[in-house]
Amino acid sequence: IIKRVNNTELGKGRTHEKYIQIPRELDIEEM
């Protein structure tokens, strides 16, 4: 799974949370 991260995911948004957002249509249950 390859994701280009954005500033919000990097914690530069209002909440300062750091994560990877997964699209609703993307199945990652194998992982």
PDB file of all heavy atoms in Angstrom:
ATOM      1  N   ILE A   1       0.872  -1.174   0.000  1.00  0.00           N
ATOM      2  CA  ILE A   1       0.000   0.000   0.000  1.00  0.00           C
ATOM      3  C   ILE A   1       0.905   1.218   0.000  1.00  0.00           C
ATOM      4  O   ILE A   1       1.707   1.411   0.915  1.00  0.00           O
ATOM      5  CB  ILE A   1      -0.913   0.040   1.236  1.00  0.00           C
ATOM      6  CG1 ILE A   1      -1.751  -1.241   1.347  1.00  0.00           C
ATOM      7  CG2 ILE A   1      -1.805   1.274   1.194  1.00  0.00           C
ATOM      8  CD1 ILE A   1      -2.741  -1.418   0.240  1.00  0.00           C
ATOM      9  N   ILE A   2       0.797   2.037  -1.054  1.00  0.00           N
ATOM     10  CA  ILE A   2       1.650   3.217  -1.188  1.00  0.00           C
ATOM     11  C   ILE A   2       0.779   4.460  -1.115  1.00  0.00           C
ATOM     12  O   ILE A   2      -0.177   4.601  -1.874  1.00  0.00           O
ATOM     13  CB  ILE A   2       2.437   3.183  -2.511  1.00  0.00           C
ATOM     14  CG1 ILE A   2       3.315   1.927  -2.554  1.00  0.00           C
ATOM     15  CG2 ILE A   2       3.302   4.441  -2.653  1.00  0.00           C
ATOM     16  CD1 ILE A   2       4.012   1.724  -3.877  1.00  0.00           C
ATOM     17  N   LYS A   3       1.093   5.354  -0.205  1.00  0.00           N
ATOM     18  CA  LYS A   3       0.269   6.536   0.042  1.00  0.00           C
ATOM     19  C   LYS A   3       1.131   7.791   0.036  1.00  0.00           C
ATOM     20  O   LYS A   3       2.163   7.849   0.697  1.00  0.00           O
ATOM     21  CB  LYS A   3      -0.434   6.408   1.400  1.00  0.00           C
ATOM     22  CG  LYS A   3      -1.272   7.618   1.816  1.00  0.00           C
ATOM     23  CD  LYS A   3      -2.511   7.741   0.967  1.00  0.00           C
ATOM     24  CE  LYS A   3      -3.532   8.717   1.554  1.00  0.00           C
ATOM     25  NZ  LYS A   3      -3.051  10.099   1.643  1.00  0.00           N
ATOM     26  N   ARG A   4       0.712   8.784  -0.737  1.00  0.00           N
ATOM     27  CA  ARG A   4       1.356  10.103  -0.656  1.00  0.00           C
ATOM     28  C   ARG A   4       0.675  10.875   0.477  1.00  0.00           C
ATOM     29  O   ARG A   4      -0.529  11.122   0.420  1.00  0.00           O
ATOM     30  CB  ARG A   4       1.212  10.868  -1.968  1.00  0.00           C
ATOM     31  CG  ARG A   4       2.138  10.379  -3.071  1.00  0.00           C
ATOM     32  CD  ARG A   4       2.060  11.301  -4.259  1.00  0.00           C
ATOM     33  NE  ARG A   4       2.833  10.822  -5.378  1.00  0.00           N
ATOM     34  CZ  ARG A   4       4.052  11.247  -5.686  1.00  0.00           C
ATOM     35  NH1 ARG A   4       4.643  12.149  -4.925  1.00  0.00           N
ATOM     36  NH2 ARG A   4       4.682  10.779  -6.741  1.00  0.00           N
ATOM     37  N   VAL A   5       1.448  11.231   1.460  1.00  0.00           N
ATOM     38  CA  VAL A   5       0.862  11.863   2.632  1.00  0.00           C
ATOM     39  C   VAL A   5       0.712  13.360   2.419  1.00  0.00           C
ATOM     40  O   VAL A   5       1.448  13.981   1.643  1.00  0.00           O
ATOM     41  CB  VAL A   5       1.703  11.585   3.895  1.00  0.00           C
ATOM     42  CG1 VAL A   5       1.627  10.115   4.258  1.00  0.00           C
ATOM     43  CG2 VAL A   5       3.158  11.999   3.698  1.00  0.00           C
ATOM     44  N   ASN A   6      -0.275  13.939   3.108  1.00  0.00           N
ATOM     45  CA  ASN A   6      -0.499  15.376   3.028  1.00  0.00           C
ATOM     46  C   ASN A   6      -0.205  16.029   4.380  1.00  0.00           C
ATOM     47  O   ASN A   6       0.102  15.348   5.368  1.00  0.00           O
ATOM     48  CB  ASN A   6      -1.926  15.679   2.546  1.00  0.00           C
ATOM     49  CG  ASN A   6      -2.985  15.057   3.453  1.00  0.00           C
ATOM     50  OD1 ASN A   6      -2.888  15.108   4.677  1.00  0.00           O
ATOM     51  ND2 ASN A   6      -4.001  14.455   2.836  1.00  0.00           N
ATOM     52  N   ASN A   7      -0.313  17.345   4.436  1.00  0.00           N
ATOM     53  CA  ASN A   7       0.049  18.059   5.656  1.00  0.00           C
ATOM     54  C   ASN A   7      -0.856  17.705   6.829  1.00  0.00           C
ATOM     55  O   ASN A   7      -0.410  17.683   7.978  1.00  0.00           O
ATOM     56  CB  ASN A   7       0.014  19.574   5.400  1.00  0.00           C
ATOM     57  CG  ASN A   7       1.256  20.062   4.678  1.00  0.00           C
ATOM     58  OD1 ASN A   7       2.334  19.515   4.843  1.00  0.00           O
ATOM     59  ND2 ASN A   7       1.120  21.112   3.877  1.00  0.00           N
ATOM     60  N   THR A   8      -2.135  17.436   6.566  1.00  0.00           N
ATOM     61  CA  THR A   8      -3.039  17.048   7.646  1.00  0.00           C
ATOM     62  C   THR A   8      -2.612  15.727   8.254  1.00  0.00           C
ATOM     63  O   THR A   8      -2.562  15.568   9.483  1.00  0.00           O
ATOM     64  CB  THR A   8      -4.480  16.951   7.134  1.00  0.00           C
ATOM     65  OG1 THR A   8      -4.866  18.211   6.557  1.00  0.00           O
ATOM     66  CG2 THR A   8      -5.445  16.614   8.264  1.00  0.00           C
ATOM     67  N   GLU A   9      -2.274  14.747   7.411  1.00  0.00           N
ATOM     68  CA  GLU A   9      -1.818  13.447   7.909  1.00  0.00           C
ATOM     69  C   GLU A   9      -0.494  13.564   8.662  1.00  0.00           C
ATOM     70  O   GLU A   9      -0.205  12.762   9.553  1.00  0.00           O
ATOM     71  CB  GLU A   9      -1.661  12.467   6.750  1.00  0.00           C
ATOM     72  CG  GLU A   9      -2.981  12.071   6.096  1.00  0.00           C
ATOM     73  CD  GLU A   9      -2.789  11.322   4.799  1.00  0.00           C
ATOM     74  OE1 GLU A   9      -2.092  11.872   3.905  1.00  0.00           O
ATOM     75  OE2 GLU A   9      -3.310  10.209   4.674  1.00  0.00           O
ATOM     76  N   LEU A  10       0.301  14.554   8.302  1.00  0.00           N
ATOM     77  CA  LEU A  10       1.595  14.753   8.953  1.00  0.00           C
ATOM     78  C   LEU A  10       1.488  15.529  10.263  1.00  0.00           C
ATOM     79  O   LEU A  10       2.498  15.874  10.865  1.00  0.00           O
ATOM     80  CB  LEU A  10       2.541  15.491   8.002  1.00  0.00           C
ATOM     81  CG  LEU A  10       3.005  14.674   6.787  1.00  0.00           C
ATOM     82  CD1 LEU A  10       3.718  15.569   5.778  1.00  0.00           C
ATOM     83  CD2 LEU A  10       3.911  13.527   7.205  1.00  0.00           C
ATOM     84  N   GLY A  11       0.259  15.817  10.676  1.00  0.00           N
ATOM     85  CA  GLY A  11       0.062  16.495  11.959  1.00  0.00           C
ATOM     86  C   GLY A  11       0.095  17.996  11.884  1.00  0.00           C
ATOM     87  O   GLY A  11       0.187  18.674  12.925  1.00  0.00           O
ATOM     88  N   LYS A  12       0.002  18.562  10.669  1.00  0.00           N
ATOM     89  CA  LYS A  12       0.062  20.012  10.523  1.00  0.00           C
ATOM     90  C   LYS A  12      -1.325  20.639  10.433  1.00  0.00           C
ATOM     91  O   LYS A  12      -1.457  21.822  10.121  1.00  0.00           O
ATOM     92  CB  LYS A  12       0.890  20.366   9.287  1.00  0.00           C
ATOM     93  CG  LYS A  12       2.333  19.870   9.393  1.00  0.00           C
ATOM     94  CD  LYS A  12       3.149  20.197   8.160  1.00  0.00           C
ATOM     95  CE  LYS A  12       4.567  19.650   8.284  1.00  0.00           C
ATOM     96  NZ  LYS A  12       5.388  19.945   7.092  1.00  0.00           N
ATOM     97  N   GLY A  13      -2.360  19.828  10.700  1.00  0.00           N
ATOM     98  CA  GLY A  13      -3.717  20.358  10.724  1.00  0.00           C
ATOM     99  C   GLY A  13      -4.076  20.869  12.109  1.00  0.00           C
ATOM    100  O   GLY A  13      -3.231  20.959  13.015  1.00  0.00           O
ATOM    101  N   ARG A  14      -5.333  21.153  12.319  1.00  0.00           N
ATOM    102  CA  ARG A  14      -5.778  21.744  13.588  1.00  0.00           C
ATOM    103  C   ARG A  14      -5.645  20.755  14.741  1.00  0.00           C
ATOM    104  O   ARG A  14      -5.413  21.140  15.886  1.00  0.00           O
ATOM    105  CB  ARG A  14      -7.229  22.213  13.462  1.00  0.00           C
ATOM    106  CG  ARG A  14      -7.431  23.288  12.395  1.00  0.00           C
ATOM    107  CD  ARG A  14      -8.892  23.681  12.295  1.00  0.00           C
ATOM    108  NE  ARG A  14      -9.353  24.330  13.506  1.00  0.00           N
ATOM    109  CZ  ARG A  14     -10.627  24.421  13.865  1.00  0.00           C
ATOM    110  NH1 ARG A  14     -11.552  23.861  13.127  1.00  0.00           N
ATOM    111  NH2 ARG A  14     -10.974  25.046  14.974  1.00  0.00           N
ATOM    112  N   THR A  15      -5.829  19.444  14.472  1.00  0.00           N
ATOM    113  CA  THR A  15      -5.792  18.457  15.552  1.00  0.00           C
ATOM    114  C   THR A  15      -4.384  17.935  15.839  1.00  0.00           C
ATOM    115  O   THR A  15      -4.165  17.315  16.880  1.00  0.00           O
ATOM    116  CB  THR A  15      -6.681  17.250  15.198  1.00  0.00           C
ATOM    117  OG1 THR A  15      -6.163  16.606  14.025  1.00  0.00           O
ATOM    118  CG2 THR A  15      -8.112  17.706  14.924  1.00  0.00           C
ATOM    119  N   HIS A  16      -3.449  18.162  14.923  1.00  0.00           N
ATOM    120  CA  HIS A  16      -2.063  17.708  15.067  1.00  0.00           C
ATOM    121  C   HIS A  16      -1.948  16.182  15.137  1.00  0.00           C
ATOM    122  O   HIS A  16      -0.947  15.651  15.615  1.00  0.00           O
ATOM    123  CB  HIS A  16      -1.395  18.332  16.294  1.00  0.00           C
ATOM    124  CG  HIS A  16      -1.423  19.836  16.287  1.00  0.00           C
ATOM    125  ND1 HIS A  16      -0.711  20.592  15.383  1.00  0.00           N
ATOM    126  CD2 HIS A  16      -2.129  20.710  17.060  1.00  0.00           C
ATOM    127  CE1 HIS A  16      -0.962  21.881  15.607  1.00  0.00           C
ATOM    128  NE2 HIS A  16      -1.809  21.981  16.606  1.00  0.00           N
ATOM    129  N   GLU A  17      -2.963  15.454  14.662  1.00  0.00           N
ATOM    130  CA  GLU A  17      -2.902  13.996  14.629  1.00  0.00           C
ATOM    131  C   GLU A  17      -2.047  13.543  13.455  1.00  0.00           C
ATOM    132  O   GLU A  17      -2.021  14.192  12.407  1.00  0.00           O
ATOM    133  CB  GLU A  17      -4.308  13.415  14.520  1.00  0.00           C
ATOM    134  CG  GLU A  17      -5.187  13.724  15.723  1.00  0.00           C
ATOM    135  CD  GLU A  17      -6.621  13.265  15.509  1.00  0.00           C
ATOM    136  OE1 GLU A  17      -7.036  13.172  14.335  1.00  0.00           O
ATOM    137  OE2 GLU A  17      -7.310  13.009  16.508  1.00  0.00           O
ATOM    138  N   LYS A  18      -1.370  12.407  13.627  1.00  0.00           N
ATOM    139  CA  LYS A  18      -0.486  11.882  12.586  1.00  0.00           C
ATOM    140  C   LYS A  18      -0.952  10.477  12.211  1.00  0.00           C
ATOM    141  O   LYS A  18      -1.049   9.604  13.083  1.00  0.00           O
ATOM    142  CB  LYS A  18       0.962  11.872  13.070  1.00  0.00           C
ATOM    143  CG  LYS A  18       1.483  13.281  13.398  1.00  0.00           C
ATOM    144  CD  LYS A  18       2.925  13.277  13.840  1.00  0.00           C
ATOM    145  CE  LYS A  18       3.393  14.696  14.166  1.00  0.00           C
ATOM    146  NZ  LYS A  18       4.816  14.751  14.556  1.00  0.00           N
ATOM    147  N   TYR A  19      -1.211  10.274  10.932  1.00  0.00           N
ATOM    148  CA  TYR A  19      -1.837   9.025  10.496  1.00  0.00           C
ATOM    149  C   TYR A  19      -1.740   8.901   8.989  1.00  0.00           C
ATOM    150  O   TYR A  19      -1.203   9.777   8.301  1.00  0.00           O
ATOM    151  CB  TYR A  19      -3.310   9.006  10.918  1.00  0.00           C
ATOM    152  CG  TYR A  19      -4.112  10.179  10.381  1.00  0.00           C
ATOM    153  CD1 TYR A  19      -4.829  10.082   9.189  1.00  0.00           C
ATOM    154  CD2 TYR A  19      -4.144  11.407  11.053  1.00  0.00           C
ATOM    155  CE1 TYR A  19      -5.551  11.144   8.690  1.00  0.00           C
ATOM    156  CE2 TYR A  19      -4.857  12.485  10.562  1.00  0.00           C
ATOM    157  CZ  TYR A  19      -5.567  12.348   9.385  1.00  0.00           C
ATOM    158  OH  TYR A  19      -6.278  13.420   8.880  1.00  0.00           O
ATOM    159  N   ILE A  20      -2.259   7.801   8.456  1.00  0.00           N
ATOM    160  CA  ILE A  20      -2.489   7.645   7.021  1.00  0.00           C
ATOM    161  C   ILE A  20      -3.988   7.441   6.840  1.00  0.00           C
ATOM    162  O   ILE A  20      -4.567   6.533   7.456  1.00  0.00           O
ATOM    163  CB  ILE A  20      -1.732   6.429   6.437  1.00  0.00           C
ATOM    164  CG1 ILE A  20      -0.222   6.631   6.514  1.00  0.00           C
ATOM    165  CG2 ILE A  20      -2.149   6.179   4.992  1.00  0.00           C
ATOM    166  CD1 ILE A  20       0.565   5.409   6.083  1.00  0.00           C
ATOM    167  N   GLN A  21      -4.609   8.257   6.031  1.00  0.00           N
ATOM    168  CA  GLN A  21      -6.023   8.060   5.741  1.00  0.00           C
ATOM    169  C   GLN A  21      -6.174   7.051   4.604  1.00  0.00           C
ATOM    170  O   GLN A  21      -5.514   7.158   3.575  1.00  0.00           O
ATOM    171  CB  GLN A  21      -6.697   9.373   5.358  1.00  0.00           C
ATOM    172  CG  GLN A  21      -8.198   9.214   5.116  1.00  0.00           C
ATOM    173  CD  GLN A  21      -8.874  10.529   4.802  1.00  0.00           C
ATOM    174  OE1 GLN A  21      -8.297  11.602   4.975  1.00  0.00           O
ATOM    175  NE2 GLN A  21     -10.111  10.465   4.336  1.00  0.00           N
ATOM    176  N   ILE A  22      -7.022   6.071   4.812  1.00  0.00           N
ATOM    177  CA  ILE A  22      -7.268   5.026   3.829  1.00  0.00           C
ATOM    178  C   ILE A  22      -8.605   5.295   3.136  1.00  0.00           C
ATOM    179  O   ILE A  22      -9.618   5.494   3.815  1.00  0.00           O
ATOM    180  CB  ILE A  22      -7.299   3.636   4.498  1.00  0.00           C
ATOM    181  CG1 ILE A  22      -5.997   3.379   5.270  1.00  0.00           C
ATOM    182  CG2 ILE A  22      -7.534   2.544   3.463  1.00  0.00           C
ATOM    183  CD1 ILE A  22      -4.761   3.351   4.417  1.00  0.00           C
ATOM    184  N   PRO A  23      -8.644   5.314   1.820  1.00  0.00           N
ATOM    185  CA  PRO A  23      -9.914   5.514   1.128  1.00  0.00           C
ATOM    186  C   PRO A  23     -10.933   4.442   1.499  1.00  0.00           C
ATOM    187  O   PRO A  23     -10.568   3.286   1.742  1.00  0.00           O
ATOM    188  CB  PRO A  23      -9.534   5.425  -0.359  1.00  0.00           C
ATOM    189  CG  PRO A  23      -8.067   5.705  -0.401  1.00  0.00           C
ATOM    190  CD  PRO A  23      -7.516   5.182   0.884  1.00  0.00           C
ATOM    191  N   ARG A  24     -12.196   4.812   1.541  1.00  0.00           N
ATOM    192  CA  ARG A  24     -13.246   3.869   1.907  1.00  0.00           C
ATOM    193  C   ARG A  24     -13.252   2.649   0.989  1.00  0.00           C
ATOM    194  O   ARG A  24     -13.542   1.534   1.415  1.00  0.00           O
ATOM    195  CB  ARG A  24     -14.606   4.573   1.860  1.00  0.00           C
ATOM    196  CG  ARG A  24     -14.870   5.484   3.046  1.00  0.00           C
ATOM    197  CD  ARG A  24     -15.152   4.683   4.293  1.00  0.00           C
ATOM    198  NE  ARG A  24     -15.340   5.560   5.452  1.00  0.00           N
ATOM    199  CZ  ARG A  24     -15.539   5.104   6.684  1.00  0.00           C
ATOM    200  NH1 ARG A  24     -15.557   3.795   6.915  1.00  0.00           N
ATOM    201  NH2 ARG A  24     -15.703   5.932   7.690  1.00  0.00           N
ATOM    202  N   GLU A  25     -12.953   2.865  -0.292  1.00  0.00           N
ATOM    203  CA  GLU A  25     -13.043   1.777  -1.259  1.00  0.00           C
ATOM    204  C   GLU A  25     -11.818   0.875  -1.266  1.00  0.00           C
ATOM    205  O   GLU A  25     -11.803  -0.153  -1.953  1.00  0.00           O
ATOM    206  CB  GLU A  25     -13.262   2.332  -2.669  1.00  0.00           C
ATOM    207  CG  GLU A  25     -12.089   3.113  -3.248  1.00  0.00           C
ATOM    208  CD  GLU A  25     -12.086   4.596  -2.888  1.00  0.00           C
ATOM    209  OE1 GLU A  25     -12.797   4.981  -1.926  1.00  0.00           O
ATOM    210  OE2 GLU A  25     -11.376   5.356  -3.565  1.00  0.00           O
ATOM    211  N   LEU A  26     -10.782   1.215  -0.508  1.00  0.00           N
ATOM    212  CA  LEU A  26      -9.545   0.430  -0.516  1.00  0.00           C
ATOM    213  C   LEU A  26      -9.579  -0.643   0.570  1.00  0.00           C
ATOM    214  O   LEU A  26      -9.725  -0.342   1.755  1.00  0.00           O
ATOM    215  CB  LEU A  26      -8.341   1.346  -0.305  1.00  0.00           C
ATOM    216  CG  LEU A  26      -6.970   0.659  -0.278  1.00  0.00           C
ATOM    217  CD1 LEU A  26      -6.696  -0.042  -1.596  1.00  0.00           C
ATOM    218  CD2 LEU A  26      -5.869   1.670   0.026  1.00  0.00           C
ATOM    219  N   ASP A  27      -9.449  -1.903   0.165  1.00  0.00           N
ATOM    220  CA  ASP A  27      -9.462  -3.028   1.091  1.00  0.00           C
ATOM    221  C   ASP A  27      -8.049  -3.318   1.574  1.00  0.00           C
ATOM    222  O   ASP A  27      -7.167  -3.613   0.771  1.00  0.00           O
ATOM    223  CB  ASP A  27     -10.048  -4.255   0.382  1.00  0.00           C
ATOM    224  CG  ASP A  27     -10.099  -5.479   1.288  1.00  0.00           C
ATOM    225  OD1 ASP A  27      -9.872  -5.330   2.505  1.00  0.00           O
ATOM    226  OD2 ASP A  27     -10.335  -6.587   0.771  1.00  0.00           O
ATOM    227  N   ILE A  28      -7.830  -3.213   2.884  1.00  0.00           N
ATOM    228  CA  ILE A  28      -6.506  -3.524   3.441  1.00  0.00           C
ATOM    229  C   ILE A  28      -6.607  -4.611   4.511  1.00  0.00           C
ATOM    230  O   ILE A  28      -5.731  -4.728   5.370  1.00  0.00           O
ATOM    231  CB  ILE A  28      -5.816  -2.267   4.013  1.00  0.00           C
ATOM    232  CG1 ILE A  28      -6.614  -1.679   5.170  1.00  0.00           C
ATOM    233  CG2 ILE A  28      -5.595  -1.229   2.918  1.00  0.00           C
ATOM    234  CD1 ILE A  28      -5.854  -0.581   5.914  1.00  0.00           C
ATOM    235  N   GLU A  29      -7.674  -5.418   4.447  1.00  0.00           N
ATOM    236  CA  GLU A  29      -7.876  -6.428   5.480  1.00  0.00           C
ATOM    237  C   GLU A  29      -6.820  -7.529   5.437  1.00  0.00           C
ATOM    238  O   GLU A  29      -6.576  -8.200   6.451  1.00  0.00           O
ATOM    239  CB  GLU A  29      -9.270  -7.039   5.347  1.00  0.00           C
ATOM    240  CG  GLU A  29     -10.373  -6.061   5.738  1.00  0.00           C
ATOM    241  CD  GLU A  29     -11.746  -6.710   5.732  1.00  0.00           C
ATOM    242  OE1 GLU A  29     -11.839  -7.912   5.402  1.00  0.00           O
ATOM    243  OE2 GLU A  29     -12.720  -6.000   6.046  1.00  0.00           O
ATOM    244  N   GLU A  30      -6.167  -7.755   4.263  1.00  0.00           N
ATOM    245  CA  GLU A  30      -5.081  -8.733   4.232  1.00  0.00           C
ATOM    246  C   GLU A  30      -3.936  -8.292   5.132  1.00  0.00           C
ATOM    247  O   GLU A  30      -3.245  -9.107   5.721  1.00  0.00           O
ATOM    248  CB  GLU A  30      -4.550  -8.930   2.807  1.00  0.00           C
ATOM    249  CG  GLU A  30      -5.619  -9.244   1.777  1.00  0.00           C
ATOM    250  CD  GLU A  30      -5.950  -8.000   0.964  1.00  0.00           C
ATOM    251  OE1 GLU A  30      -6.026  -6.912   1.552  1.00  0.00           O
ATOM    252  OE2 GLU A  30      -6.123  -8.151  -0.260  1.00  0.00           O
ATOM    253  N   MET A  31      -3.748  -6.983   5.243  1.00  0.00           N
ATOM    254  CA  MET A  31      -2.658  -6.436   6.037  1.00  0.00           C
ATOM    255  C   MET A  31      -3.085  -6.175   7.486  1.00  0.00           C
ATOM    256  O   MET A  31      -2.315  -6.367   8.434  1.00  0.00           O
ATOM    257  CB  MET A  31      -2.152  -5.149   5.391  1.00  0.00           C
ATOM    258  CG  MET A  31      -0.816  -4.676   5.891  1.00  0.00           C
ATOM    259  SD  MET A  31      -0.166  -3.314   4.895  1.00  0.00           S
ATOM    260  CE  MET A  31       0.158  -4.108   3.320  1.00  0.00           C
TER     261      MET A  31
END
